[in-house]
PDB file of N, CA and C in Angstrom:
ATOM      1  N   MET A   1      48.621  46.106  14.336  1.00  0.00           N
ATOM      2  CA  MET A   1      48.935  45.942  16.151  1.00  0.00           C
ATOM      3  C   MET A   1      50.414  45.511  16.065  1.00  0.00           C
ATOM      4  N   SER A   2      51.198  45.549  15.303  1.00  0.00           N
ATOM      5  CA  SER A   2      52.969  44.998  15.413  1.00  0.00           C
ATOM      6  C   SER A   2      53.960  46.161  15.543  1.00  0.00           C
ATOM      7  N   GLY A   3      53.145  47.389  15.427  1.00  0.00           N
ATOM      8  CA  GLY A   3      54.257  48.936  15.557  1.00  0.00           C
ATOM      9  C   GLY A   3      54.315  49.144  16.807  1.00  0.00           C
ATOM     10  N   LEU A   4      54.683  49.967  16.788  1.00  0.00           N
ATOM     11  CA  LEU A   4      54.918  51.164  18.127  1.00  0.00           C
ATOM     12  C   LEU A   4      53.458  51.475  18.867  1.00  0.00           C
ATOM     13  N   PHE A   5      52.888  52.011  17.953  1.00  0.00           N
ATOM     14  CA  PHE A   5      51.721  52.762  18.745  1.00  0.00           C
ATOM     15  C   PHE A   5      50.375  51.952  17.517  1.00  0.00           C
ATOM     16  N   VAL A   6      49.363  52.370  18.576  1.00  0.00           N
ATOM     17  CA  VAL A   6      47.848  51.693  17.967  1.00  0.00           C
ATOM     18  C   VAL A   6      46.828  52.934  17.982  1.00  0.00           C
ATOM     19  N   GLU A   7      45.929  53.306  16.925  1.00  0.00           N
ATOM     20  CA  GLU A   7      44.908  54.058  17.268  1.00  0.00           C
ATOM     21  C   GLU A   7      43.665  53.781  17.825  1.00  0.00           C
ATOM     22  N   LEU A   8      43.559  54.167  18.887  1.00  0.00           N
ATOM     23  CA  LEU A   8      42.395  53.704  19.757  1.00  0.00           C
ATOM     24  C   LEU A   8      41.387  54.863  19.472  1.00  0.00           C
ATOM     25  N   VAL A   9      40.213  54.801  20.090  1.00  0.00           N
ATOM     26  CA  VAL A   9      39.069  55.403  19.896  1.00  0.00           C
ATOM     27  C   VAL A   9      38.274  55.529  21.305  1.00  0.00           C
ATOM     28  N   THR A  10      38.075  56.166  22.020  1.00  0.00           N
ATOM     29  CA  THR A  10      37.334  56.760  23.287  1.00  0.00           C
ATOM     30  C   THR A  10      36.088  57.062  23.207  1.00  0.00           C
ATOM     31  N   PRO A  11      34.989  56.561  23.828  1.00  0.00           N
ATOM     32  CA  PRO A  11      33.594  57.264  23.553  1.00  0.00           C
ATOM     33  C   PRO A  11      34.035  58.832  24.122  1.00  0.00           C
ATOM     34  N   HIS A  12      34.607  59.551  25.189  1.00  0.00           N
ATOM     35  CA  HIS A  12      34.362  60.619  25.571  1.00  0.00           C
ATOM     36  C   HIS A  12      35.513  61.402  25.002  1.00  0.00           C
ATOM     37  N   SER A  13      36.967  61.138  24.511  1.00  0.00           N
ATOM     38  CA  SER A  13      38.131  61.742  23.854  1.00  0.00           C
ATOM     39  C   SER A  13      37.852  61.407  22.338  1.00  0.00           C
ATOM     40  N   GLY A  14      37.604  60.648  21.755  1.00  0.00           N
ATOM     41  CA  GLY A  14      37.500  60.034  20.115  1.00  0.00           C
ATOM     42  C   GLY A  14      39.307  59.249  19.966  1.00  0.00           C
ATOM     43  N   LYS A  15      39.895  59.695  19.267  1.00  0.00           N
ATOM     44  CA  LYS A  15      40.644  58.894  18.557  1.00  0.00           C
ATOM     45  C   LYS A  15      42.068  59.676  18.917  1.00  0.00           C
ATOM     46  N   TYR A  16      43.066  58.603  19.374  1.00  0.00           N
ATOM     47  CA  TYR A  16      43.848  59.130  19.984  1.00  0.00           C
ATOM     48  C   TYR A  16      45.692  57.687  19.627  1.00  0.00           C
ATOM     49  N   MET A  17      46.541  58.293  19.486  1.00  0.00           N
ATOM     50  CA  MET A  17      47.560  57.320  19.966  1.00  0.00           C
ATOM     51  C   MET A  17      48.307  56.337  21.028  1.00  0.00           C
ATOM     52  N   GLN A  18      47.814  55.159  21.356  1.00  0.00           N
ATOM     53  CA  GLN A  18      48.141  54.507  22.058  1.00  0.00           C
ATOM     54  C   GLN A  18      49.660  53.849  21.718  1.00  0.00           C
ATOM     55  N   PRO A  19      50.644  54.537  22.890  1.00  0.00           N
ATOM     56  CA  PRO A  19      51.929  53.262  22.564  1.00  0.00           C
ATOM     57  C   PRO A  19      51.975  52.266  23.318  1.00  0.00           C
ATOM     58  N   THR A  20      52.282  51.255  22.472  1.00  0.00           N
ATOM     59  CA  THR A  20      52.363  49.575  22.952  1.00  0.00           C
ATOM     60  C   THR A  20      53.652  48.836  23.197  1.00  0.00           C
ATOM     61  N   GLY A  21      54.770  49.817  22.828  1.00  0.00           N
ATOM     62  CA  GLY A  21      55.874  49.566  23.017  1.00  0.00           C
ATOM     63  C   GLY A  21      56.609  49.719  24.146  1.00  0.00           C
ATOM     64  N   LEU A  22      57.756  49.467  24.787  1.00  0.00           N
ATOM     65  CA  LEU A  22      58.356  48.982  25.819  1.00  0.00           C
ATOM     66  C   LEU A  22      58.736  50.568  25.971  1.00  0.00           C
ATOM     67  N   PHE A  23      59.084  51.538  27.174  1.00  0.00           N
ATOM     68  CA  PHE A  23      59.610  53.065  27.552  1.00  0.00           C
ATOM     69  C   PHE A  23      61.069  52.480  27.696  1.00  0.00           C
ATOM     70  N   ILE A  24      61.621  52.165  26.975  1.00  0.00           N
ATOM     71  CA  ILE A  24      63.277  52.328  27.378  1.00  0.00           C
ATOM     72  C   ILE A  24      64.433  53.484  26.877  1.00  0.00           C
ATOM     73  N   ASN A  25      64.938  53.859  27.546  1.00  0.00           N
ATOM     74  CA  ASN A  25      66.061  55.080  27.416  1.00  0.00           C
ATOM     75  C   ASN A  25      65.112  56.072  26.857  1.00  0.00           C
ATOM     76  N   ASN A  26      64.147  56.883  27.111  1.00  0.00           N
ATOM     77  CA  ASN A  26      63.659  57.882  26.793  1.00  0.00           C
ATOM     78  C   ASN A  26      62.482  57.844  25.469  1.00  0.00           C
ATOM     79  N   GLU A  27      62.730  56.316  25.138  1.00  0.00           N
ATOM     80  CA  GLU A  27      61.846  56.372  24.064  1.00  0.00           C
ATOM     81  C   GLU A  27      60.612  54.720  23.906  1.00  0.00           C
ATOM     82  N   PHE A  28      60.239  54.308  22.825  1.00  0.00           N
ATOM     83  CA  PHE A  28      59.281  53.554  22.874  1.00  0.00           C
ATOM     84  C   PHE A  28      60.226  52.308  21.730  1.00  0.00           C
ATOM     85  N   VAL A  29      60.407  51.033  22.620  1.00  0.00           N
ATOM     86  CA  VAL A  29      60.742  50.363  21.415  1.00  0.00           C
ATOM     87  C   VAL A  29      60.172  49.205  21.672  1.00  0.00           C
ATOM     88  N   LYS A  30      60.546  48.189  20.780  1.00  0.00           N
ATOM     89  CA  LYS A  30      60.188  46.753  20.722  1.00  0.00           C
ATOM     90  C   LYS A  30      60.477  45.666  21.607  1.00  0.00           C
ATOM     91  N   GLY A  31      59.998  44.941  22.266  1.00  0.00           N
ATOM     92  CA  GLY A  31      60.917  44.063  23.026  1.00  0.00           C
ATOM     93  C   GLY A  31      62.003  42.874  21.908  1.00  0.00           C
ATOM     94  N   VAL A  32      63.470  42.929  22.808  1.00  0.00           N
ATOM     95  CA  VAL A  32      64.293  42.286  21.992  1.00  0.00           C
ATOM     96  C   VAL A  32      63.775  40.786  21.467  1.00  0.00           C
ATOM     97  N   ASP A  33      62.949  39.992  22.241  1.00  0.00           N
ATOM     98  CA  ASP A  33      62.354  38.671  21.920  1.00  0.00           C
ATOM     99  C   ASP A  33      61.172  39.058  20.921  1.00  0.00           C
ATOM    100  N   GLY A  34      60.691  39.734  20.746  1.00  0.00           N
ATOM    101  CA  GLY A  34      59.860  40.150  19.765  1.00  0.00           C
ATOM    102  C   GLY A  34      58.349  39.684  19.942  1.00  0.00           C
ATOM    103  N   LYS A  35      58.097  39.523  21.783  1.00  0.00           N
ATOM    104  CA  LYS A  35      56.681  38.907  22.191  1.00  0.00           C
ATOM    105  C   LYS A  35      55.989  39.793  22.532  1.00  0.00           C
ATOM    106  N   THR A  36      54.549  39.468  22.334  1.00  0.00           N
ATOM    107  CA  THR A  36      53.604  40.607  22.467  1.00  0.00           C
ATOM    108  C   THR A  36      52.773  39.904  23.455  1.00  0.00           C
ATOM    109  N   LEU A  37      51.843  40.874  23.926  1.00  0.00           N
ATOM    110  CA  LEU A  37      50.792  40.295  25.010  1.00  0.00           C
ATOM    111  C   LEU A  37      49.463  41.318  24.478  1.00  0.00           C
ATOM    112  N   GLU A  38      48.103  40.428  24.634  1.00  0.00           N
ATOM    113  CA  GLU A  38      46.638  40.903  23.857  1.00  0.00           C
ATOM    114  C   GLU A  38      46.395  41.712  25.436  1.00  0.00           C
ATOM    115  N   VAL A  39      45.816  43.194  24.755  1.00  0.00           N
ATOM    116  CA  VAL A  39      44.948  43.375  25.721  1.00  0.00           C
ATOM    117  C   VAL A  39      43.400  42.967  25.255  1.00  0.00           C
ATOM    118  N   ILE A  40      42.661  42.358  26.342  1.00  0.00           N
ATOM    119  CA  ILE A  40      41.442  42.104  26.194  1.00  0.00           C
ATOM    120  C   ILE A  40      40.409  42.989  26.861  1.00  0.00           C
ATOM    121  N   ASN A  41      39.508  43.112  26.057  1.00  0.00           N
ATOM    122  CA  ASN A  41      38.159  43.993  26.652  1.00  0.00           C
ATOM    123  C   ASN A  41      37.532  43.191  27.759  1.00  0.00           C
ATOM    124  N   PRO A  42      37.423  43.195  28.870  1.00  0.00           N
ATOM    125  CA  PRO A  42      36.939  41.969  30.033  1.00  0.00           C
ATOM    126  C   PRO A  42      35.522  42.179  29.859  1.00  0.00           C
ATOM    127  N   SER A  43      34.704  43.334  28.936  1.00  0.00           N
ATOM    128  CA  SER A  43      33.248  42.780  28.851  1.00  0.00           C
ATOM    129  C   SER A  43      32.786  42.325  27.652  1.00  0.00           C
ATOM    130  N   THR A  44      33.661  42.281  26.764  1.00  0.00           N
ATOM    131  CA  THR A  44      33.499  41.640  25.414  1.00  0.00           C
ATOM    132  C   THR A  44      34.190  40.264  25.251  1.00  0.00           C
ATOM    133  N   GLU A  45      35.776  40.537  26.102  1.00  0.00           N
ATOM    134  CA  GLU A  45      36.604  39.408  25.553  1.00  0.00           C
ATOM    135  C   GLU A  45      36.970  39.560  24.419  1.00  0.00           C
ATOM    136  N   GLU A  46      36.738  40.976  23.512  1.00  0.00           N
ATOM    137  CA  GLU A  46      37.442  40.705  22.257  1.00  0.00           C
ATOM    138  C   GLU A  46      38.862  41.713  22.530  1.00  0.00           C
ATOM    139  N   VAL A  47      39.847  41.226  21.617  1.00  0.00           N
ATOM    140  CA  VAL A  47      41.396  41.979  21.770  1.00  0.00           C
ATOM    141  C   VAL A  47      41.157  43.293  21.250  1.00  0.00           C
ATOM    142  N   ILE A  48      41.551  43.989  22.368  1.00  0.00           N
ATOM    143  CA  ILE A  48      41.498  45.424  21.944  1.00  0.00           C
ATOM    144  C   ILE A  48      42.744  45.705  20.719  1.00  0.00           C
ATOM    145  N   THR A  49      43.977  45.178  21.255  1.00  0.00           N
ATOM    146  CA  THR A  49      45.468  45.674  20.365  1.00  0.00           C
ATOM    147  C   THR A  49      46.524  44.395  21.132  1.00  0.00           C
ATOM    148  N   SER A  50      47.402  44.547  20.834  1.00  0.00           N
ATOM    149  CA  SER A  50      48.747  44.212  21.156  1.00  0.00           C
ATOM    150  C   SER A  50      49.671  44.449  21.779  1.00  0.00           C
ATOM    151  N   VAL A  51      50.704  44.647  23.159  1.00  0.00           N
ATOM    152  CA  VAL A  51      51.520  45.318  23.296  1.00  0.00           C
ATOM    153  C   VAL A  51      53.022  44.418  23.498  1.00  0.00           C
ATOM    154  N   HIS A  52      54.077  45.449  23.726  1.00  0.00           N
ATOM    155  CA  HIS A  52      55.436  44.585  23.672  1.00  0.00           C
ATOM    156  C   HIS A  52      55.493  43.755  24.589  1.00  0.00           C
ATOM    157  N   ALA A  53      56.042  42.946  25.339  1.00  0.00           N
ATOM    158  CA  ALA A  53      56.168  41.860  26.094  1.00  0.00           C
ATOM    159  C   ALA A  53      57.965  42.246  26.678  1.00  0.00           C
ATOM    160  N   ALA A  54      57.945  42.257  28.076  1.00  0.00           N
ATOM    161  CA  ALA A  54      59.493  42.771  28.635  1.00  0.00           C
ATOM    162  C   ALA A  54      60.049  41.672  28.665  1.00  0.00           C
ATOM    163  N   SER A  55      61.092  41.187  28.456  1.00  0.00           N
ATOM    164  CA  SER A  55      61.932  39.873  28.968  1.00  0.00           C
ATOM    165  C   SER A  55      62.877  40.536  29.787  1.00  0.00           C
ATOM    166  N   GLU A  56      63.631  39.479  30.565  1.00  0.00           N
ATOM    167  CA  GLU A  56      64.828  39.553  31.441  1.00  0.00           C
ATOM    168  C   GLU A  56      65.991  40.720  30.370  1.00  0.00           C
ATOM    169  N   LYS A  57      65.925  40.501  29.331  1.00  0.00           N
ATOM    170  CA  LYS A  57      66.944  41.225  28.554  1.00  0.00           C
ATOM    171  C   LYS A  57      66.149  42.662  28.604  1.00  0.00           C
ATOM    172  N   ASP A  58      64.798  43.174  28.275  1.00  0.00           N
ATOM    173  CA  ASP A  58      64.710  43.955  28.166  1.00  0.00           C
ATOM    174  C   ASP A  58      64.904  45.165  29.563  1.00  0.00           C
ATOM    175  N   VAL A  59      64.808  44.166  30.879  1.00  0.00           N
ATOM    176  CA  VAL A  59      64.969  45.029  32.019  1.00  0.00           C
ATOM    177  C   VAL A  59      66.540  45.025  32.001  1.00  0.00           C
ATOM    178  N   ASP A  60      67.110  44.712  31.369  1.00  0.00           N
ATOM    179  CA  ASP A  60      68.896  44.400  31.676  1.00  0.00           C
ATOM    180  C   ASP A  60      68.923  45.964  30.832  1.00  0.00           C
ATOM    181  N   LEU A  61      68.463  46.259  29.389  1.00  0.00           N
ATOM    182  CA  LEU A  61      68.655  47.233  28.956  1.00  0.00           C
ATOM    183  C   LEU A  61      68.187  48.538  29.751  1.00  0.00           C
ATOM    184  N   ALA A  62      66.973  48.423  30.135  1.00  0.00           N
ATOM    185  CA  ALA A  62      66.539  49.385  30.930  1.00  0.00           C
ATOM    186  C   ALA A  62      67.250  50.064  32.295  1.00  0.00           C
ATOM    187  N   VAL A  63      67.625  49.102  32.625  1.00  0.00           N
ATOM    188  CA  VAL A  63      68.500  49.190  34.041  1.00  0.00           C
ATOM    189  C   VAL A  63      69.862  49.831  33.466  1.00  0.00           C
ATOM    190  N   SER A  64      70.390  49.176  32.550  1.00  0.00           N
ATOM    191  CA  SER A  64      71.676  50.389  32.205  1.00  0.00           C
ATOM    192  C   SER A  64      71.578  51.576  31.305  1.00  0.00           C
ATOM    193  N   ALA A  65      70.336  51.860  30.874  1.00  0.00           N
ATOM    194  CA  ALA A  65      69.997  52.876  30.618  1.00  0.00           C
ATOM    195  C   ALA A  65      70.111  54.039  31.598  1.00  0.00           C
ATOM    196  N   VAL A  66      69.217  53.623  32.820  1.00  0.00           N
ATOM    197  CA  VAL A  66      69.067  54.457  33.908  1.00  0.00           C
ATOM    198  C   VAL A  66      70.704  54.657  34.884  1.00  0.00           C
ATOM    199  N   ARG A  67      71.242  53.674  34.690  1.00  0.00           N
ATOM    200  CA  ARG A  67      72.564  53.605  35.679  1.00  0.00           C
ATOM    201  C   ARG A  67      73.317  54.895  34.543  1.00  0.00           C
ATOM    202  N   LYS A  68      73.570  54.766  33.333  1.00  0.00           N
ATOM    203  CA  LYS A  68      74.159  55.478  32.433  1.00  0.00           C
ATOM    204  C   LYS A  68      73.585  57.001  32.673  1.00  0.00           C
ATOM    205  N   ALA A  69      72.065  57.101  32.734  1.00  0.00           N
ATOM    206  CA  ALA A  69      71.644  58.589  33.407  1.00  0.00           C
ATOM    207  C   ALA A  69      72.273  59.095  34.386  1.00  0.00           C
ATOM    208  N   PHE A  70      72.268  58.119  34.923  1.00  0.00           N
ATOM    209  CA  PHE A  70      72.465  58.827  36.867  1.00  0.00           C
ATOM    210  C   PHE A  70      74.358  59.019  37.044  1.00  0.00           C
ATOM    211  N   ASP A  71      74.801  58.242  36.200  1.00  0.00           N
ATOM    212  CA  ASP A  71      76.132  58.586  36.112  1.00  0.00           C
ATOM    213  C   ASP A  71      76.676  59.626  35.688  1.00  0.00           C
ATOM    214  N   GLY A  72      75.623  60.317  34.575  1.00  0.00           N
ATOM    215  CA  GLY A  72      76.122  61.795  34.097  1.00  0.00           C
ATOM    216  C   GLY A  72      75.609  62.782  34.903  1.00  0.00           C
ATOM    217  N   SER A  73      74.641  63.607  34.096  1.00  0.00           N
ATOM    218  CA  SER A  73      74.442  64.692  34.602  1.00  0.00           C
ATOM    219  C   SER A  73      73.389  64.473  35.760  1.00  0.00           C
ATOM    220  N   LEU A  74      72.500  64.191  35.812  1.00  0.00           N
ATOM    221  CA  LEU A  74      71.531  63.414  36.844  1.00  0.00           C
ATOM    222  C   LEU A  74      71.966  63.473  38.392  1.00  0.00           C
ATOM    223  N   ARG A  75      73.432  63.098  38.044  1.00  0.00           N
ATOM    224  CA  ARG A  75      73.686  62.593  39.605  1.00  0.00           C
ATOM    225  C   ARG A  75      74.021  63.887  40.178  1.00  0.00           C
ATOM    226  N   LYS A  76      74.275  64.957  39.481  1.00  0.00           N
ATOM    227  CA  LYS A  76      74.772  66.060  40.138  1.00  0.00           C
ATOM    228  C   LYS A  76      73.567  66.936  40.702  1.00  0.00           C
ATOM    229  N   GLU A  77      72.272  66.537  40.184  1.00  0.00           N
ATOM    230  CA  GLU A  77      70.758  66.962  40.761  1.00  0.00           C
ATOM    231  C   GLU A  77      70.678  66.688  42.359  1.00  0.00           C
ATOM    232  N   THR A  78      69.626  67.317  42.937  1.00  0.00           N
ATOM    233  CA  THR A  78      69.413  67.121  43.792  1.00  0.00           C
ATOM    234  C   THR A  78      68.133  66.130  43.654  1.00  0.00           C
ATOM    235  N   PRO A  79      67.434  65.477  44.626  1.00  0.00           N
ATOM    236  CA  PRO A  79      66.367  64.627  44.484  1.00  0.00           C
ATOM    237  C   PRO A  79      65.309  65.276  43.840  1.00  0.00           C
ATOM    238  N   ARG A  80      64.727  66.643  44.492  1.00  0.00           N
ATOM    239  CA  ARG A  80      63.594  67.509  44.036  1.00  0.00           C
ATOM    240  C   ARG A  80      64.002  67.691  42.172  1.00  0.00           C
ATOM    241  N   ASN A  81      65.171  68.168  42.102  1.00  0.00           N
ATOM    242  CA  ASN A  81      65.531  68.382  40.961  1.00  0.00           C
ATOM    243  C   ASN A  81      65.504  67.199  39.405  1.00  0.00           C
ATOM    244  N   ARG A  82      66.032  66.124  40.224  1.00  0.00           N
ATOM    245  CA  ARG A  82      65.704  64.948  39.644  1.00  0.00           C
ATOM    246  C   ARG A  82      64.316  64.730  39.076  1.00  0.00           C
ATOM    247  N   GLY A  83      63.458  64.427  40.271  1.00  0.00           N
ATOM    248  CA  GLY A  83      62.054  64.397  39.931  1.00  0.00           C
ATOM    249  C   GLY A  83      61.490  65.347  39.336  1.00  0.00           C
ATOM    250  N   LYS A  84      61.797  66.677  39.351  1.00  0.00           N
ATOM    251  CA  LYS A  84      60.797  67.370  38.339  1.00  0.00           C
ATOM    252  C   LYS A  84      61.579  66.871  36.913  1.00  0.00           C
ATOM    253  N   LEU A  85      63.044  66.897  36.821  1.00  0.00           N
ATOM    254  CA  LEU A  85      63.343  66.186  34.829  1.00  0.00           C
ATOM    255  C   LEU A  85      62.616  65.081  34.681  1.00  0.00           C
ATOM    256  N   LEU A  86      62.442  64.044  35.688  1.00  0.00           N
ATOM    257  CA  LEU A  86      62.044  62.792  35.203  1.00  0.00           C
ATOM    258  C   LEU A  86      60.398  63.285  34.743  1.00  0.00           C
TER     259      LEU A  86
END
């Protein structure tokens, strides 16, 4: 459960890999502080998995990544093309 992905099973689609990290700068990463949050099945109250928790530091990293992206080639794109690229 401490990695960036966990294998889960659904009744309809079977096994799949669910990301548990924060999506920053086009990749899944662990939170800076290393804290996690438990995901609980509400019908059984069992822990399904843990996901990485974002802190203020993580938000700052994400904002910096976005600013860097918009200072580059994305800044020159039209809003419509930016939407397609995102």
